[in-house]
């Protein structure tokens, strides 16, 4: 299965503190194609679901630094995902 890396160039300011997560939260650039199985095998502990892109029928995952522990961040781990490297 192939995945596409999406590089985050800039985070857009949210109009509200609470907003539905989406790819429009960022200024992005399409990156290279990667093998999804290899990606999860190598970086699985740093990947978490971020949002659905209904227009393109795909699910976006984000890669957070290893020091961010989403499991202990409580129910609002979206705020912890602010430190994303790529989607």
PDB file of N, CA and C in Angstrom:
ATOM      1  N   UNK A   1       0.848  -1.169   0.000  1.00  0.00           N
ATOM      2  CA  UNK A   1       0.000   0.000   0.000  1.00  0.00           C
ATOM      3  C   UNK A   1       0.896   1.235   0.000  1.00  0.00           C
ATOM      4  N   UNK A   2       0.542   2.217  -0.819  1.00  0.00           N
ATOM      5  CA  UNK A   2       1.356   3.420  -0.888  1.00  0.00           C
ATOM      6  C   UNK A   2       0.728   4.552  -0.088  1.00  0.00           C
ATOM      7  N   UNK A   3       1.568   5.328   0.512  1.00  0.00           N
ATOM      8  CA  UNK A   3       1.159   6.521   1.251  1.00  0.00           C
ATOM      9  C   UNK A   3       1.939   7.697   0.671  1.00  0.00           C
ATOM     10  N   UNK A   4       1.451   8.882   0.901  1.00  0.00           N
ATOM     11  CA  UNK A   4       2.136  10.088   0.443  1.00  0.00           C
ATOM     12  C   UNK A   4       2.454  10.944   1.655  1.00  0.00           C
ATOM     13  N   UNK A   5       3.689  11.339   1.764  1.00  0.00           N
ATOM     14  CA  UNK A   5       4.098  12.231   2.843  1.00  0.00           C
ATOM     15  C   UNK A   5       3.671  13.646   2.471  1.00  0.00           C
ATOM     16  N   UNK A   6       3.064  14.342   3.409  1.00  0.00           N
ATOM     17  CA  UNK A   6       2.667  15.733   3.201  1.00  0.00           C
ATOM     18  C   UNK A   6       3.483  16.573   4.176  1.00  0.00           C
ATOM     19  N   UNK A   7       4.304  17.441   3.646  1.00  0.00           N
ATOM     20  CA  UNK A   7       5.177  18.261   4.473  1.00  0.00           C
ATOM     21  C   UNK A   7       4.440  19.504   4.949  1.00  0.00           C
ATOM     22  N   UNK A   8       4.584  19.812   6.214  1.00  0.00           N
ATOM     23  CA  UNK A   8       3.937  20.996   6.792  1.00  0.00           C
ATOM     24  C   UNK A   8       4.920  22.151   6.717  1.00  0.00           C
ATOM     25  N   UNK A   9       4.538  23.178   6.006  1.00  0.00           N
ATOM     26  CA  UNK A   9       5.379  24.373   5.866  1.00  0.00           C
ATOM     27  C   UNK A   9       5.044  25.414   6.930  1.00  0.00           C
ATOM     28  N   UNK A  10       3.761  25.457   7.319  1.00  0.00           N
ATOM     29  CA  UNK A  10       3.343  26.470   8.282  1.00  0.00           C
ATOM     30  C   UNK A  10       2.011  26.040   8.885  1.00  0.00           C
ATOM     31  N   UNK A  11       1.817  26.344  10.131  1.00  0.00           N
ATOM     32  CA  UNK A  11       0.539  26.080  10.801  1.00  0.00           C
ATOM     33  C   UNK A  11      -0.303  27.340  10.692  1.00  0.00           C
ATOM     34  N   UNK A  12      -1.542  27.181  10.245  1.00  0.00           N
ATOM     35  CA  UNK A  12      -2.441  28.332  10.135  1.00  0.00           C
ATOM     36  C   UNK A  12      -3.065  28.626  11.485  1.00  0.00           C
ATOM     37  N   UNK A  13      -3.287  29.884  11.736  1.00  0.00           N
ATOM     38  CA  UNK A  13      -3.943  30.297  12.973  1.00  0.00           C
ATOM     39  C   UNK A  13      -5.399  29.866  12.913  1.00  0.00           C
ATOM     40  N   UNK A  14      -5.860  29.220  13.956  1.00  0.00           N
ATOM     41  CA  UNK A  14      -7.248  28.760  14.010  1.00  0.00           C
ATOM     42  C   UNK A  14      -8.164  29.904  14.409  1.00  0.00           C
ATOM     43  N   UNK A  15      -9.323  29.958  13.790  1.00  0.00           N
ATOM     44  CA  UNK A  15     -10.289  31.006  14.112  1.00  0.00           C
ATOM     45  C   UNK A  15     -10.836  30.829  15.523  1.00  0.00           C
ATOM     46  N   UNK A  16     -10.948  29.582  15.962  1.00  0.00           N
ATOM     47  CA  UNK A  16     -11.461  29.262  17.291  1.00  0.00           C
ATOM     48  C   UNK A  16     -10.469  28.358  18.003  1.00  0.00           C
ATOM     49  N   UNK A  17     -10.518  28.348  19.332  1.00  0.00           N
ATOM     50  CA  UNK A  17      -9.666  27.424  20.078  1.00  0.00           C
ATOM     51  C   UNK A  17     -10.075  25.981  19.826  1.00  0.00           C
ATOM     52  N   UNK A  18     -11.367  25.756  19.686  1.00  0.00           N
ATOM     53  CA  UNK A  18     -11.880  24.413  19.428  1.00  0.00           C
ATOM     54  C   UNK A  18     -12.380  24.369  17.984  1.00  0.00           C
ATOM     55  N   UNK A  19     -11.716  23.604  17.178  1.00  0.00           N
ATOM     56  CA  UNK A  19     -12.076  23.517  15.777  1.00  0.00           C
ATOM     57  C   UNK A  19     -11.834  22.101  15.293  1.00  0.00           C
ATOM     58  N   UNK A  20     -12.602  21.653  14.327  1.00  0.00           N
ATOM     59  CA  UNK A  20     -12.423  20.308  13.795  1.00  0.00           C
ATOM     60  C   UNK A  20     -11.077  20.227  13.086  1.00  0.00           C
ATOM     61  N   UNK A  21     -10.326  19.180  13.379  1.00  0.00           N
ATOM     62  CA  UNK A  21      -9.010  18.983  12.764  1.00  0.00           C
ATOM     63  C   UNK A  21      -9.173  18.768  11.270  1.00  0.00           C
ATOM     64  N   UNK A  22      -8.270  19.342  10.503  1.00  0.00           N
ATOM     65  CA  UNK A  22      -8.310  19.164   9.063  1.00  0.00           C
ATOM     66  C   UNK A  22      -7.006  19.583   8.417  1.00  0.00           C
ATOM     67  N   UNK A  23      -6.824  19.150   7.187  1.00  0.00           N
ATOM     68  CA  UNK A  23      -5.611  19.480   6.448  1.00  0.00           C
ATOM     69  C   UNK A  23      -5.524  20.987   6.202  1.00  0.00           C
ATOM     70  N   UNK A  24      -6.666  21.681   6.218  1.00  0.00           N
ATOM     71  CA  UNK A  24      -6.674  23.130   6.008  1.00  0.00           C
ATOM     72  C   UNK A  24      -6.069  23.899   7.179  1.00  0.00           C
ATOM     73  N   UNK A  25      -5.754  23.208   8.264  1.00  0.00           N
ATOM     74  CA  UNK A  25      -5.098  23.851   9.409  1.00  0.00           C
ATOM     75  C   UNK A  25      -3.633  24.181   9.097  1.00  0.00           C
ATOM     76  N   UNK A  26      -3.138  23.706   7.950  1.00  0.00           N
ATOM     77  CA  UNK A  26      -1.727  23.849   7.628  1.00  0.00           C
ATOM     78  C   UNK A  26      -1.515  24.322   6.203  1.00  0.00           C
ATOM     79  N   UNK A  27      -0.391  24.958   5.976  1.00  0.00           N
ATOM     80  CA  UNK A  27       0.097  25.204   4.626  1.00  0.00           C
ATOM     81  C   UNK A  27       1.006  24.015   4.347  1.00  0.00           C
ATOM     82  N   UNK A  28       0.681  23.241   3.319  1.00  0.00           N
ATOM     83  CA  UNK A  28       1.386  21.985   3.081  1.00  0.00           C
ATOM     84  C   UNK A  28       1.974  21.907   1.682  1.00  0.00           C
ATOM     85  N   UNK A  29       2.811  20.897   1.520  1.00  0.00           N
ATOM     86  CA  UNK A  29       3.411  20.594   0.222  1.00  0.00           C
ATOM     87  C   UNK A  29       3.456  19.074   0.100  1.00  0.00           C
ATOM     88  N   UNK A  30       2.990  18.577  -1.043  1.00  0.00           N
ATOM     89  CA  UNK A  30       3.032  17.125  -1.263  1.00  0.00           C
ATOM     90  C   UNK A  30       4.483  16.679  -1.270  1.00  0.00           C
ATOM     91  N   UNK A  31       4.754  15.618  -0.552  1.00  0.00           N
ATOM     92  CA  UNK A  31       6.097  15.062  -0.498  1.00  0.00           C
ATOM     93  C   UNK A  31       6.204  13.833  -1.369  1.00  0.00           C
ATOM     94  N   UNK A  32       7.062  12.949  -0.993  1.00  0.00           N
ATOM     95  CA  UNK A  32       7.326  11.748  -1.784  1.00  0.00           C
ATOM     96  C   UNK A  32       6.355  10.636  -1.415  1.00  0.00           C
ATOM     97  N   UNK A  33       6.202   9.705  -2.325  1.00  0.00           N
ATOM     98  CA  UNK A  33       5.424   8.515  -2.040  1.00  0.00           C
ATOM     99  C   UNK A  33       6.244   7.556  -1.200  1.00  0.00           C
ATOM    100  N   UNK A  34       5.625   6.923  -0.240  1.00  0.00           N
ATOM    101  CA  UNK A  34       6.318   5.974   0.629  1.00  0.00           C
ATOM    102  C   UNK A  34       5.462   4.728   0.787  1.00  0.00           C
ATOM    103  N   UNK A  35       6.082   3.629   1.111  1.00  0.00           N
ATOM    104  CA  UNK A  35       5.351   2.395   1.376  1.00  0.00           C
ATOM    105  C   UNK A  35       4.750   2.493   2.779  1.00  0.00           C
ATOM    106  N   UNK A  36       3.422   2.399   2.878  1.00  0.00           N
ATOM    107  CA  UNK A  36       2.735   2.576   4.157  1.00  0.00           C
ATOM    108  C   UNK A  36       3.153   1.529   5.179  1.00  0.00           C
ATOM    109  N   UNK A  37       3.337   0.289   4.738  1.00  0.00           N
ATOM    110  CA  UNK A  37       3.734  -0.772   5.671  1.00  0.00           C
ATOM    111  C   UNK A  37       5.120  -0.496   6.254  1.00  0.00           C
ATOM    112  N   UNK A  38       6.028  -0.046   5.409  1.00  0.00           N
ATOM    113  CA  UNK A  38       7.381   0.270   5.882  1.00  0.00           C
ATOM    114  C   UNK A  38       7.345   1.474   6.822  1.00  0.00           C
ATOM    115  N   UNK A  39       6.530   2.460   6.485  1.00  0.00           N
ATOM    116  CA  UNK A  39       6.406   3.653   7.313  1.00  0.00           C
ATOM    117  C   UNK A  39       5.933   3.302   8.717  1.00  0.00           C
ATOM    118  N   UNK A  40       4.873   2.479   8.803  1.00  0.00           N
ATOM    119  CA  UNK A  40       4.358   2.085  10.115  1.00  0.00           C
ATOM    120  C   UNK A  40       5.320   1.159  10.854  1.00  0.00           C
ATOM    121  N   UNK A  41       6.050   0.329  10.141  1.00  0.00           N
ATOM    122  CA  UNK A  41       7.028  -0.543  10.786  1.00  0.00           C
ATOM    123  C   UNK A  41       8.155   0.286  11.406  1.00  0.00           C
ATOM    124  N   UNK A  42       8.552   1.342  10.717  1.00  0.00           N
ATOM    125  CA  UNK A  42       9.672   2.150  11.189  1.00  0.00           C
ATOM    126  C   UNK A  42       9.254   3.229  12.189  1.00  0.00           C
ATOM    127  N   UNK A  43       8.088   3.844  11.978  1.00  0.00           N
ATOM    128  CA  UNK A  43       7.698   5.003  12.792  1.00  0.00           C
ATOM    129  C   UNK A  43       6.343   4.835  13.475  1.00  0.00           C
ATOM    130  N   UNK A  44       5.842   3.628  13.571  1.00  0.00           N
ATOM    131  CA  UNK A  44       4.503   3.377  14.098  1.00  0.00           C
ATOM    132  C   UNK A  44       4.210   4.020  15.435  1.00  0.00           C
ATOM    133  N   UNK A  45       5.187   4.058  16.332  1.00  0.00           N
ATOM    134  CA  UNK A  45       4.940   4.626  17.663  1.00  0.00           C
ATOM    135  C   UNK A  45       4.792   6.150  17.620  1.00  0.00           C
ATOM    136  N   UNK A  46       5.234   6.785  16.537  1.00  0.00           N
ATOM    137  CA  UNK A  46       5.143   8.241  16.418  1.00  0.00           C
ATOM    138  C   UNK A  46       3.977   8.677  15.533  1.00  0.00           C
ATOM    139  N   UNK A  47       3.229   7.730  14.969  1.00  0.00           N
ATOM    140  CA  UNK A  47       2.112   8.052  14.075  1.00  0.00           C
ATOM    141  C   UNK A  47       0.786   7.896  14.798  1.00  0.00           C
ATOM    142  N   UNK A  48      -0.112   8.842  14.584  1.00  0.00           N
ATOM    143  CA  UNK A  48      -1.456   8.739  15.158  1.00  0.00           C
ATOM    144  C   UNK A  48      -2.444   9.344  14.168  1.00  0.00           C
ATOM    145  N   UNK A  49      -3.692   8.865  14.161  1.00  0.00           N
ATOM    146  CA  UNK A  49      -4.693   9.430  13.261  1.00  0.00           C
ATOM    147  C   UNK A  49      -4.908  10.905  13.566  1.00  0.00           C
ATOM    148  N   UNK A  50      -5.011  11.717  12.525  1.00  0.00           N
ATOM    149  CA  UNK A  50      -5.222  13.153  12.699  1.00  0.00           C
ATOM    150  C   UNK A  50      -6.610  13.569  12.226  1.00  0.00           C
ATOM    151  N   UNK A  51      -6.965  13.203  10.998  1.00  0.00           N
ATOM    152  CA  UNK A  51      -8.276  13.576  10.480  1.00  0.00           C
ATOM    153  C   UNK A  51      -8.581  12.804   9.202  1.00  0.00           C
ATOM    154  N   UNK A  52      -9.808  12.943   8.741  1.00  0.00           N
ATOM    155  CA  UNK A  52     -10.216  12.375   7.456  1.00  0.00           C
ATOM    156  C   UNK A  52     -10.264  13.498   6.432  1.00  0.00           C
ATOM    157  N   UNK A  53      -9.793  13.218   5.237  1.00  0.00           N
ATOM    158  CA  UNK A  53      -9.875  14.147   4.123  1.00  0.00           C
ATOM    159  C   UNK A  53     -10.949  13.585   3.199  1.00  0.00           C
ATOM    160  N   UNK A  54     -12.185  14.014   3.416  1.00  0.00           N
ATOM    161  CA  UNK A  54     -13.309  13.453   2.670  1.00  0.00           C
ATOM    162  C   UNK A  54     -13.203  13.738   1.174  1.00  0.00           C
ATOM    163  N   UNK A  55     -12.711  14.909   0.817  1.00  0.00           N
ATOM    164  CA  UNK A  55     -12.624  15.283  -0.595  1.00  0.00           C
ATOM    165  C   UNK A  55     -11.738  14.323  -1.385  1.00  0.00           C
ATOM    166  N   UNK A  56     -10.648  13.860  -0.757  1.00  0.00           N
ATOM    167  CA  UNK A  56      -9.718  12.952  -1.451  1.00  0.00           C
ATOM    168  C   UNK A  56      -9.851  11.505  -0.987  1.00  0.00           C
ATOM    169  N   UNK A  57     -10.821  11.254  -0.129  1.00  0.00           N
ATOM    170  CA  UNK A  57     -11.086   9.911   0.383  1.00  0.00           C
ATOM    171  C   UNK A  57      -9.818   9.266   0.964  1.00  0.00           C
ATOM    172  N   UNK A  58      -9.238   9.936   1.951  1.00  0.00           N
ATOM    173  CA  UNK A  58      -8.042   9.411   2.597  1.00  0.00           C
ATOM    174  C   UNK A  58      -8.035   9.774   4.074  1.00  0.00           C
ATOM    175  N   UNK A  59      -7.280   9.027   4.833  1.00  0.00           N
ATOM    176  CA  UNK A  59      -7.097   9.300   6.249  1.00  0.00           C
ATOM    177  C   UNK A  59      -5.700   9.874   6.429  1.00  0.00           C
ATOM    178  N   UNK A  60      -5.607  10.924   7.231  1.00  0.00           N
ATOM    179  CA  UNK A  60      -4.324  11.557   7.483  1.00  0.00           C
ATOM    180  C   UNK A  60      -3.828  11.189   8.871  1.00  0.00           C
ATOM    181  N   UNK A  61      -2.583  10.801   8.936  1.00  0.00           N
ATOM    182  CA  UNK A  61      -1.918  10.505  10.195  1.00  0.00           C
ATOM    183  C   UNK A  61      -0.883  11.584  10.425  1.00  0.00           C
ATOM    184  N   UNK A  62      -0.577  11.861  11.668  1.00  0.00           N
ATOM    185  CA  UNK A  62       0.480  12.823  11.941  1.00  0.00           C
ATOM    186  C   UNK A  62       1.617  12.127  12.671  1.00  0.00           C
ATOM    187  N   UNK A  63       2.808  12.667  12.470  1.00  0.00           N
ATOM    188  CA  UNK A  63       3.998  12.138  13.128  1.00  0.00           C
ATOM    189  C   UNK A  63       4.419  13.145  14.189  1.00  0.00           C
ATOM    190  N   UNK A  64       4.394  12.719  15.429  1.00  0.00           N
ATOM    191  CA  UNK A  64       4.795  13.577  16.540  1.00  0.00           C
ATOM    192  C   UNK A  64       6.160  13.127  17.053  1.00  0.00           C
ATOM    193  N   UNK A  65       6.895  14.031  17.678  1.00  0.00           N
ATOM    194  CA  UNK A  65       8.197  13.654  18.230  1.00  0.00           C
ATOM    195  C   UNK A  65       8.043  12.557  19.281  1.00  0.00           C
ATOM    196  N   UNK A  66       9.070  11.724  19.461  1.00  0.00           N
ATOM    197  CA  UNK A  66       8.975  10.626  20.424  1.00  0.00           C
ATOM    198  C   UNK A  66       8.705  11.071  21.858  1.00  0.00           C
ATOM    199  N   UNK A  67       9.110  12.283  22.217  1.00  0.00           N
ATOM    200  CA  UNK A  67       8.911  12.746  23.599  1.00  0.00           C
ATOM    201  C   UNK A  67       7.464  13.141  23.901  1.00  0.00           C
ATOM    202  N   UNK A  68       6.610  13.268  22.886  1.00  0.00           N
ATOM    203  CA  UNK A  68       5.194  13.578  23.095  1.00  0.00           C
ATOM    204  C   UNK A  68       4.458  12.271  23.325  1.00  0.00           C
ATOM    205  N   UNK A  69       3.864  12.132  24.506  1.00  0.00           N
ATOM    206  CA  UNK A  69       3.143  10.911  24.867  1.00  0.00           C
ATOM    207  C   UNK A  69       1.650  11.164  24.761  1.00  0.00           C
ATOM    208  N   UNK A  70       1.065  10.792  23.625  1.00  0.00           N
ATOM    209  CA  UNK A  70      -0.353  11.054  23.394  1.00  0.00           C
ATOM    210  C   UNK A  70      -1.247  10.223  24.304  1.00  0.00           C
ATOM    211  N   UNK A  71      -0.783   9.066  24.748  1.00  0.00           N
ATOM    212  CA  UNK A  71      -1.601   8.191  25.590  1.00  0.00           C
ATOM    213  C   UNK A  71      -1.833   8.774  26.974  1.00  0.00           C
ATOM    214  N   UNK A  72      -0.908   9.582  27.463  1.00  0.00           N
ATOM    215  CA  UNK A  72      -1.080  10.143  28.806  1.00  0.00           C
ATOM    216  C   UNK A  72      -1.577  11.592  28.763  1.00  0.00           C
ATOM    217  N   UNK A  73      -1.940  12.077  27.579  1.00  0.00           N
ATOM    218  CA  UNK A  73      -2.353  13.477  27.468  1.00  0.00           C
ATOM    219  C   UNK A  73      -3.843  13.682  27.721  1.00  0.00           C
ATOM    220  N   UNK A  74      -4.562  12.622  28.018  1.00  0.00           N
ATOM    221  CA  UNK A  74      -5.987  12.757  28.290  1.00  0.00           C
ATOM    222  C   UNK A  74      -6.807  12.727  27.008  1.00  0.00           C
ATOM    223  N   UNK A  75      -8.065  13.096  27.123  1.00  0.00           N
ATOM    224  CA  UNK A  75      -8.960  12.969  25.964  1.00  0.00           C
ATOM    225  C   UNK A  75      -8.712  14.002  24.865  1.00  0.00           C
ATOM    226  N   UNK A  76      -7.974  15.052  25.150  1.00  0.00           N
ATOM    227  CA  UNK A  76      -7.769  16.111  24.164  1.00  0.00           C
ATOM    228  C   UNK A  76      -6.359  16.076  23.596  1.00  0.00           C
ATOM    229  N   UNK A  77      -5.979  14.945  23.026  1.00  0.00           N
ATOM    230  CA  UNK A  77      -4.609  14.832  22.536  1.00  0.00           C
ATOM    231  C   UNK A  77      -4.391  15.602  21.252  1.00  0.00           C
ATOM    232  N   UNK A  78      -5.441  16.164  20.653  1.00  0.00           N
ATOM    233  CA  UNK A  78      -5.276  16.997  19.467  1.00  0.00           C
ATOM    234  C   UNK A  78      -4.322  18.156  19.755  1.00  0.00           C
ATOM    235  N   UNK A  79      -4.428  18.734  20.953  1.00  0.00           N
ATOM    236  CA  UNK A  79      -3.511  19.828  21.320  1.00  0.00           C
ATOM    237  C   UNK A  79      -2.065  19.352  21.361  1.00  0.00           C
ATOM    238  N   UNK A  80      -1.848  18.124  21.801  1.00  0.00           N
ATOM    239  CA  UNK A  80      -0.498  17.574  21.834  1.00  0.00           C
ATOM    240  C   UNK A  80       0.039  17.350  20.423  1.00  0.00           C
ATOM    241  N   UNK A  81      -0.856  17.119  19.476  1.00  0.00           N
ATOM    242  CA  UNK A  81      -0.428  16.898  18.099  1.00  0.00           C
ATOM    243  C   UNK A  81       0.030  18.180  17.430  1.00  0.00           C
ATOM    244  N   UNK A  82      -0.013  19.288  18.132  1.00  0.00           N
ATOM    245  CA  UNK A  82       0.436  20.559  17.567  1.00  0.00           C
ATOM    246  C   UNK A  82       1.918  20.525  17.211  1.00  0.00           C
ATOM    247  N   UNK A  83       2.647  19.587  17.787  1.00  0.00           N
ATOM    248  CA  UNK A  83       4.079  19.473  17.531  1.00  0.00           C
ATOM    249  C   UNK A  83       4.378  18.546  16.352  1.00  0.00           C
ATOM    250  N   UNK A  84       3.431  18.431  15.425  1.00  0.00           N
ATOM    251  CA  UNK A  84       3.595  17.473  14.334  1.00  0.00           C
ATOM    252  C   UNK A  84       4.759  17.826  13.428  1.00  0.00           C
ATOM    253  N   UNK A  85       5.422  16.778  12.959  1.00  0.00           N
ATOM    254  CA  UNK A  85       6.490  16.934  11.968  1.00  0.00           C
ATOM    255  C   UNK A  85       5.926  16.923  10.562  1.00  0.00           C
ATOM    256  N   UNK A  86       5.065  15.967  10.313  1.00  0.00           N
ATOM    257  CA  UNK A  86       4.468  15.839   8.981  1.00  0.00           C
ATOM    258  C   UNK A  86       3.152  15.111   9.103  1.00  0.00           C
ATOM    259  N   UNK A  87       2.349  15.225   8.045  1.00  0.00           N
ATOM    260  CA  UNK A  87       1.046  14.558   7.998  1.00  0.00           C
ATOM    261  C   UNK A  87       1.093  13.545   6.882  1.00  0.00           C
TER     262      UNK A  87
END
